[in-house]
Amino acid sequence: MDYLTTIEMSKIWGITSRRIAVLCEQGRIAGVVKKGKTWLIPYGSEKPIDARKKSK
């Protein structure tokens, strides 16, 4: 299985790598693996819905 780092995923999803790391810590991205200090995200993972925004 191919994995991408938070920096690589930030370019694809258009959000910061720190925000992606927080999503990984919260368990909101399926299949993530932590290797040392680096989060590895499976290629093709879906971007989670932003729970911080409230719908009208």
C-alpha atoms as a PDB file:
ATOM      1  CA  MET A   1       0.000   0.000   0.000  1.00  0.00           C
ATOM      2  CA  ASP A   2       1.261   3.462  -0.867  1.00  0.00           C
ATOM      3  CA  TYR A   3       1.402   6.108   1.836  1.00  0.00           C
ATOM      4  CA  LEU A   4       1.778   9.881   1.719  1.00  0.00           C
ATOM      5  CA  THR A   5       3.146  12.196   4.401  1.00  0.00           C
ATOM      6  CA  THR A   6       1.163  15.066   5.900  1.00  0.00           C
ATOM      7  CA  ILE A   7       3.114  17.540   3.755  1.00  0.00           C
ATOM      8  CA  GLU A   8       2.279  15.676   0.535  1.00  0.00           C
ATOM      9  CA  MET A   9      -1.379  15.357   1.563  1.00  0.00           C
ATOM     10  CA  SER A  10      -1.582  19.060   2.434  1.00  0.00           C
ATOM     11  CA  LYS A  11      -0.828  19.918  -1.197  1.00  0.00           C
ATOM     12  CA  ILE A  12      -3.575  17.573  -2.411  1.00  0.00           C
ATOM     13  CA  TRP A  13      -6.251  18.569   0.119  1.00  0.00           C
ATOM     14  CA  GLY A  14      -5.370  22.281   0.289  1.00  0.00           C
ATOM     15  CA  ILE A  15      -5.035  22.451   4.089  1.00  0.00           C
ATOM     16  CA  THR A  16      -1.989  22.731   6.336  1.00  0.00           C
ATOM     17  CA  SER A  17       0.100  19.740   7.285  1.00  0.00           C
ATOM     18  CA  ARG A  18      -0.437  20.604  10.967  1.00  0.00           C
ATOM     19  CA  ARG A  19      -4.227  20.378  10.523  1.00  0.00           C
ATOM     20  CA  ILE A  20      -3.790  16.971   8.881  1.00  0.00           C
ATOM     21  CA  ALA A  21      -1.638  15.833  11.828  1.00  0.00           C
ATOM     22  CA  VAL A  22      -4.422  16.899  14.201  1.00  0.00           C
ATOM     23  CA  LEU A  23      -6.966  14.934  12.161  1.00  0.00           C
ATOM     24  CA  CYS A  24      -4.666  11.891  12.377  1.00  0.00           C
ATOM     25  CA  GLU A  25      -4.324  12.283  16.158  1.00  0.00           C
ATOM     26  CA  GLN A  26      -8.105  12.480  16.493  1.00  0.00           C
ATOM     27  CA  GLY A  27      -8.556   9.305  14.423  1.00  0.00           C
ATOM     28  CA  ARG A  28     -10.592  11.084  11.743  1.00  0.00           C
ATOM     29  CA  ILE A  29      -8.575   9.644   8.837  1.00  0.00           C
ATOM     30  CA  ALA A  30      -8.873   5.888   8.313  1.00  0.00           C
ATOM     31  CA  GLY A  31      -5.770   3.725   7.998  1.00  0.00           C
ATOM     32  CA  VAL A  32      -3.148   6.208   9.191  1.00  0.00           C
ATOM     33  CA  VAL A  33       0.137   4.909  10.601  1.00  0.00           C
ATOM     34  CA  LYS A  34       2.597   6.796  12.774  1.00  0.00           C
ATOM     35  CA  LYS A  35       6.226   6.028  11.959  1.00  0.00           C
ATOM     36  CA  GLY A  36       8.422   7.834  14.472  1.00  0.00           C
ATOM     37  CA  LYS A  37       7.202  11.442  14.377  1.00  0.00           C
ATOM     38  CA  THR A  38       5.708  11.175  10.874  1.00  0.00           C
ATOM     39  CA  TRP A  39       2.094  10.353  10.071  1.00  0.00           C
ATOM     40  CA  LEU A  40       1.631   8.192   6.982  1.00  0.00           C
ATOM     41  CA  ILE A  41      -1.734   8.469   5.226  1.00  0.00           C
ATOM     42  CA  PRO A  42      -2.923   5.853   2.711  1.00  0.00           C
ATOM     43  CA  TYR A  43      -2.949   7.113  -0.877  1.00  0.00           C
ATOM     44  CA  GLY A  44      -6.490   7.944  -2.002  1.00  0.00           C
ATOM     45  CA  SER A  45      -7.856   8.669   1.474  1.00  0.00           C
ATOM     46  CA  GLU A  46     -10.881  10.939   1.578  1.00  0.00           C
ATOM     47  CA  LYS A  47     -10.591  14.343   3.203  1.00  0.00           C
ATOM     48  CA  PRO A  48     -12.723  14.388   6.384  1.00  0.00           C
ATOM     49  CA  ILE A  49     -15.547  16.892   6.697  1.00  0.00           C
ATOM     50  CA  ASP A  50     -14.545  19.933   8.738  1.00  0.00           C
ATOM     51  CA  ALA A  51     -16.467  19.587  12.008  1.00  0.00           C
ATOM     52  CA  ARG A  52     -15.399  23.091  13.091  1.00  0.00           C
ATOM     53  CA  LYS A  53     -17.793  24.726  10.605  1.00  0.00           C
ATOM     54  CA  LYS A  54     -21.450  24.860  11.478  1.00  0.00           C
ATOM     55  CA  SER A  55     -24.065  24.556   8.781  1.00  0.00           C
ATOM     56  CA  LYS A  56     -26.772  27.174   8.583  1.00  0.00           C
END
